[in-house]
Protein backbone atom coordinates (compact mmCIF):
# COMPACT_ATOMS: atom_id res chain seq x y z
CA UNK A 1 0.00 0.00 0.00
CA UNK A 2 1.33 3.42 -0.94
CA UNK A 3 1.83 6.26 1.52
CA UNK A 4 -1.01 8.37 0.12
CA UNK A 5 -3.43 5.44 0.30
CA UNK A 6 -2.40 4.86 3.94
CA UNK A 7 -3.03 8.52 4.78
CA UNK A 8 -6.43 8.48 3.09
CA UNK A 9 -7.42 5.42 5.09
CA UNK A 10 -6.17 7.11 8.27
CA UNK A 11 -8.30 10.16 7.49
CA UNK A 12 -11.40 7.96 7.08
CA UNK A 13 -10.55 5.95 10.20
CA UNK A 14 -10.18 9.16 12.22
CA UNK A 15 -13.54 10.44 10.98
CA UNK A 16 -15.23 7.10 11.75
CA UNK A 17 -13.70 7.04 15.23
CA UNK A 18 -15.34 10.33 16.18
CA UNK A 19 -18.51 10.32 14.05
CA UNK A 20 -21.64 8.45 14.91
CA UNK A 21 -21.48 8.46 18.68
CA UNK A 22 -24.94 10.04 18.43
CA UNK A 23 -26.14 7.21 16.12
CA UNK A 24 -25.49 9.05 12.80
CA UNK A 25 -22.31 7.37 11.56
CA UNK A 26 -22.19 9.54 8.44
CA UNK A 27 -21.60 12.82 10.23
CA UNK A 28 -20.12 14.51 13.27
CA UNK A 29 -22.06 16.65 15.68
CA UNK A 30 -20.51 19.71 17.30
CA UNK A 31 -19.81 17.63 20.44
CA UNK A 32 -18.13 14.90 18.37
CA UNK A 33 -16.00 17.50 16.59
CA UNK A 34 -14.98 18.95 19.97
CA UNK A 35 -13.95 15.44 21.07
CA UNK A 36 -11.89 15.05 17.91
CA UNK A 37 -10.07 18.30 18.63
CA UNK A 38 -9.40 17.40 22.26
CA UNK A 39 -8.03 13.97 21.33
CA UNK A 40 -6.34 14.54 17.98
CA UNK A 41 -5.24 18.20 17.90
CA UNK A 42 -5.58 19.65 21.41
CA UNK A 43 -3.77 22.86 20.46
CA UNK A 44 -6.77 23.69 18.27
CA UNK A 45 -9.44 22.78 20.84
CA UNK A 46 -9.84 26.42 21.89
CA UNK A 47 -12.76 27.72 23.87
CA UNK A 48 -16.46 27.15 23.27
CA UNK A 49 -16.92 30.38 21.30
CA UNK A 50 -14.04 29.50 18.98
CA UNK A 51 -15.37 25.96 18.54
CA UNK A 52 -18.86 27.25 17.70
CA UNK A 53 -17.44 29.60 15.07
CA UNK A 54 -15.20 26.91 13.64
CA UNK A 55 -18.09 24.43 13.48
CA UNK A 56 -20.29 27.01 11.72
CA UNK A 57 -17.57 27.57 9.12
CA UNK A 58 -16.93 23.85 8.66
CA UNK A 59 -20.62 22.97 8.28
CA UNK A 60 -20.81 24.11 4.66
CA UNK A 61 -24.40 23.08 4.03
CA UNK A 62 -25.56 24.40 7.43
CA UNK A 63 -27.33 21.18 8.40
CA UNK A 64 -25.86 21.16 11.93
CA UNK A 65 -23.53 18.25 11.16
CA UNK A 66 -20.09 17.79 9.62
CA UNK A 67 -20.16 15.21 6.83
CA UNK A 68 -17.13 13.29 5.63
CA UNK A 69 -16.69 15.56 2.56
CA UNK A 70 -16.79 18.61 4.86
CA UNK A 71 -14.26 16.88 7.13
CA UNK A 72 -11.97 16.19 4.15
CA UNK A 73 -12.10 19.88 3.19
CA UNK A 74 -11.13 20.73 6.77
CA UNK A 75 -8.23 18.27 6.68
CA UNK A 76 -6.97 19.66 3.37
CA UNK A 77 -7.14 23.22 4.71
CA UNK A 78 -5.34 22.16 7.85
CA UNK A 79 -2.62 20.51 5.79
CA UNK A 80 -2.12 23.71 3.83
CA UNK A 81 -1.80 25.68 7.06
CA UNK A 82 0.77 23.25 8.47
CA UNK A 83 2.79 23.24 5.24
CA UNK A 84 3.07 27.06 5.37
CA UNK A 85 5.17 26.82 8.55
C-alpha cells in the first residue's frame, strides 16, 4: 500500500472514530468534533466560542452536522496551514 493510500485510510478511520457516537455514523455533531479536537489536535481545541465559530464555518451546508466531505475539506485546509510553517 502506498503512503497516500495509507493517509487516506487514516483520514477515514479518524472520521469514523469520532462520528456516529450520536447514532449518525455519516456525520459529526458539534460535540463529536470537539472530542476530535481534544483527542487529535488539542492545540486547536480552543474555547467554546471559537469551537462554535469553527463548526459554523466547517458545516458548509448548514445542516448542523459535519459530513465526511466537509471533514476532508477541513483536513486539506489544515494541511495547507501546516505546510506554510
